[in-house]
Amino acid sequence: MVGVVGFDDSSWAQRCYPPLSTVHQPAAGLGERAAELVVRQLAGEDVPPGGTILESPVVWRESA
């Protein structure tokens, strides 16, 4: 048996047959964090180097 998993949890994944399991990409959270960091930089604040980890749960459907 083979399982298929996509990435971004788009509405397309639900329309596939069988419905595609995916990793949910928190697009709104990514945008909010990016905007927050830009505003802080513009205000002259130090922004720590490195990345931000946001929760990206797997959405299990019939493909896996």
N, C-alpha and C. Protein backbone atom coordinates (compact mmCIF):
# COMPACT_ATOMS: atom_id res chain seq x y z
N MET A 1 0.83 -1.17 0.00
CA MET A 1 0.00 0.00 0.00
C MET A 1 0.89 1.25 0.00
N VAL A 2 0.43 2.29 -0.67
CA VAL A 2 1.16 3.55 -0.75
C VAL A 2 0.25 4.64 -0.22
N GLY A 3 0.80 5.51 0.62
CA GLY A 3 0.07 6.68 1.10
C GLY A 3 0.64 7.93 0.47
N VAL A 4 -0.22 8.88 0.15
CA VAL A 4 0.21 10.14 -0.46
C VAL A 4 -0.21 11.29 0.46
N VAL A 5 0.74 12.19 0.74
CA VAL A 5 0.46 13.34 1.58
C VAL A 5 0.96 14.59 0.87
N GLY A 6 0.13 15.60 0.82
CA GLY A 6 0.51 16.87 0.20
C GLY A 6 0.88 17.89 1.26
N PHE A 7 1.10 19.14 0.81
CA PHE A 7 1.46 20.20 1.74
C PHE A 7 0.68 21.45 1.40
N ASP A 8 0.03 22.02 2.34
CA ASP A 8 -0.64 23.33 2.38
C ASP A 8 -2.13 23.21 2.68
N ASP A 9 -2.70 22.03 2.64
CA ASP A 9 -4.10 21.81 3.00
C ASP A 9 -5.04 22.73 2.23
N SER A 10 -4.81 22.84 0.93
CA SER A 10 -5.68 23.67 0.09
C SER A 10 -7.03 22.98 -0.09
N SER A 11 -8.02 23.73 -0.55
CA SER A 11 -9.34 23.16 -0.79
C SER A 11 -9.27 22.08 -1.88
N TRP A 12 -8.29 22.17 -2.73
CA TRP A 12 -8.09 21.17 -3.78
C TRP A 12 -7.91 19.78 -3.18
N ALA A 13 -7.21 19.70 -2.04
CA ALA A 13 -6.93 18.41 -1.40
C ALA A 13 -8.21 17.69 -1.01
N GLN A 14 -9.25 18.43 -0.69
CA GLN A 14 -10.52 17.81 -0.31
C GLN A 14 -11.32 17.35 -1.52
N ARG A 15 -11.04 17.94 -2.69
CA ARG A 15 -11.79 17.58 -3.90
C ARG A 15 -11.19 16.40 -4.64
N CYS A 16 -9.99 15.98 -4.25
CA CYS A 16 -9.35 14.82 -4.89
C CYS A 16 -10.10 13.55 -4.55
N TYR A 17 -9.84 12.52 -5.33
CA TYR A 17 -10.36 11.21 -4.97
C TYR A 17 -9.21 10.23 -4.95
N PRO A 18 -8.92 9.64 -3.82
CA PRO A 18 -9.52 9.92 -2.52
C PRO A 18 -9.03 11.26 -1.98
N PRO A 19 -9.75 11.84 -1.01
CA PRO A 19 -9.31 13.11 -0.43
C PRO A 19 -7.87 13.00 0.07
N LEU A 20 -7.06 14.02 -0.24
CA LEU A 20 -5.63 14.00 0.01
C LEU A 20 -5.28 14.43 1.44
N SER A 21 -4.55 13.59 2.14
CA SER A 21 -4.00 13.98 3.44
C SER A 21 -2.94 15.04 3.19
N THR A 22 -2.87 16.04 4.07
CA THR A 22 -1.92 17.13 3.85
C THR A 22 -1.36 17.64 5.17
N VAL A 23 -0.30 18.41 5.06
CA VAL A 23 0.24 19.15 6.20
C VAL A 23 -0.35 20.55 6.08
N HIS A 24 -1.03 20.99 7.13
CA HIS A 24 -1.67 22.31 7.11
C HIS A 24 -0.60 23.40 7.25
N GLN A 25 -0.60 24.33 6.31
CA GLN A 25 0.33 25.47 6.36
C GLN A 25 -0.42 26.66 6.93
N PRO A 26 0.00 27.18 8.08
CA PRO A 26 -0.71 28.29 8.71
C PRO A 26 -0.38 29.63 8.04
N ALA A 27 -0.95 29.87 6.86
CA ALA A 27 -0.61 31.05 6.07
C ALA A 27 -0.89 32.35 6.83
N ALA A 28 -2.02 32.44 7.51
CA ALA A 28 -2.33 33.67 8.25
C ALA A 28 -1.31 33.90 9.36
N GLY A 29 -0.94 32.84 10.06
CA GLY A 29 0.05 32.96 11.12
C GLY A 29 1.42 33.38 10.59
N LEU A 30 1.78 32.86 9.41
CA LEU A 30 3.06 33.24 8.80
C LEU A 30 3.06 34.72 8.45
N GLY A 31 1.95 35.20 7.87
CA GLY A 31 1.85 36.62 7.51
C GLY A 31 1.87 37.53 8.72
N GLU A 32 1.15 37.12 9.77
CA GLU A 32 1.11 37.92 10.99
C GLU A 32 2.50 38.04 11.61
N ARG A 33 3.21 36.92 11.67
CA ARG A 33 4.55 36.93 12.28
C ARG A 33 5.51 37.78 11.45
N ALA A 34 5.44 37.65 10.12
CA ALA A 34 6.31 38.44 9.25
C ALA A 34 6.04 39.93 9.43
N ALA A 35 4.75 40.32 9.46
CA ALA A 35 4.39 41.73 9.63
C ALA A 35 4.87 42.25 10.99
N GLU A 36 4.72 41.44 12.02
CA GLU A 36 5.16 41.83 13.35
C GLU A 36 6.66 42.12 13.37
N LEU A 37 7.44 41.25 12.73
CA LEU A 37 8.89 41.44 12.71
C LEU A 37 9.30 42.67 11.92
N VAL A 38 8.62 42.94 10.81
CA VAL A 38 8.93 44.13 10.01
C VAL A 38 8.62 45.40 10.80
N VAL A 39 7.46 45.43 11.46
CA VAL A 39 7.08 46.61 12.25
C VAL A 39 8.09 46.84 13.37
N ARG A 40 8.52 45.77 14.01
CA ARG A 40 9.51 45.91 15.08
C ARG A 40 10.84 46.46 14.55
N GLN A 41 11.24 46.00 13.38
CA GLN A 41 12.48 46.50 12.78
C GLN A 41 12.34 47.97 12.41
N LEU A 42 11.21 48.35 11.85
CA LEU A 42 10.98 49.75 11.49
C LEU A 42 10.96 50.66 12.71
N ALA A 43 10.57 50.11 13.85
CA ALA A 43 10.55 50.88 15.10
C ALA A 43 11.92 50.92 15.76
N GLY A 44 12.92 50.30 15.12
CA GLY A 44 14.27 50.33 15.64
C GLY A 44 14.58 49.26 16.68
N GLU A 45 13.67 48.31 16.86
CA GLU A 45 13.89 47.24 17.83
C GLU A 45 14.82 46.18 17.24
N ASP A 46 15.56 45.54 18.11
CA ASP A 46 16.36 44.41 17.69
C ASP A 46 15.45 43.20 17.52
N VAL A 47 15.62 42.55 16.41
CA VAL A 47 14.86 41.32 16.15
C VAL A 47 15.86 40.17 16.19
N PRO A 48 15.62 39.20 17.07
CA PRO A 48 16.58 38.11 17.20
C PRO A 48 16.70 37.31 15.90
N PRO A 49 17.92 36.90 15.56
CA PRO A 49 18.09 36.09 14.35
C PRO A 49 17.47 34.71 14.56
N GLY A 50 17.26 34.04 13.48
CA GLY A 50 16.69 32.70 13.57
C GLY A 50 15.29 32.68 13.01
N GLY A 51 14.66 31.58 13.12
CA GLY A 51 13.34 31.42 12.53
C GLY A 51 12.25 31.36 13.58
N THR A 52 11.07 31.19 13.09
CA THR A 52 9.89 31.04 13.93
C THR A 52 9.25 29.71 13.57
N ILE A 53 8.90 28.95 14.57
CA ILE A 53 8.24 27.66 14.33
C ILE A 53 6.77 27.81 14.66
N LEU A 54 5.94 27.53 13.68
CA LEU A 54 4.49 27.57 13.86
C LEU A 54 3.95 26.15 13.76
N GLU A 55 2.88 25.88 14.46
CA GLU A 55 2.28 24.56 14.42
C GLU A 55 1.77 24.27 13.00
N SER A 56 2.11 23.10 12.49
CA SER A 56 1.70 22.67 11.15
C SER A 56 1.18 21.24 11.24
N PRO A 57 -0.05 21.07 11.71
CA PRO A 57 -0.56 19.72 11.93
C PRO A 57 -0.84 18.98 10.63
N VAL A 58 -0.76 17.66 10.71
CA VAL A 58 -1.13 16.82 9.57
C VAL A 58 -2.64 16.66 9.59
N VAL A 59 -3.27 16.85 8.44
CA VAL A 59 -4.71 16.67 8.29
C VAL A 59 -4.89 15.32 7.58
N TRP A 60 -5.27 14.32 8.33
CA TRP A 60 -5.39 12.96 7.78
C TRP A 60 -6.70 12.81 7.03
N ARG A 61 -6.59 12.37 5.79
CA ARG A 61 -7.77 12.05 4.97
C ARG A 61 -7.55 10.65 4.40
N GLU A 62 -8.27 10.30 3.39
CA GLU A 62 -8.27 8.92 2.90
C GLU A 62 -7.03 8.51 2.10
N SER A 63 -6.18 9.44 1.70
CA SER A 63 -5.05 9.08 0.84
C SER A 63 -3.87 8.48 1.62
N ALA A 64 -3.90 8.58 2.93
CA ALA A 64 -2.81 8.00 3.74
C ALA A 64 -3.33 7.57 5.09
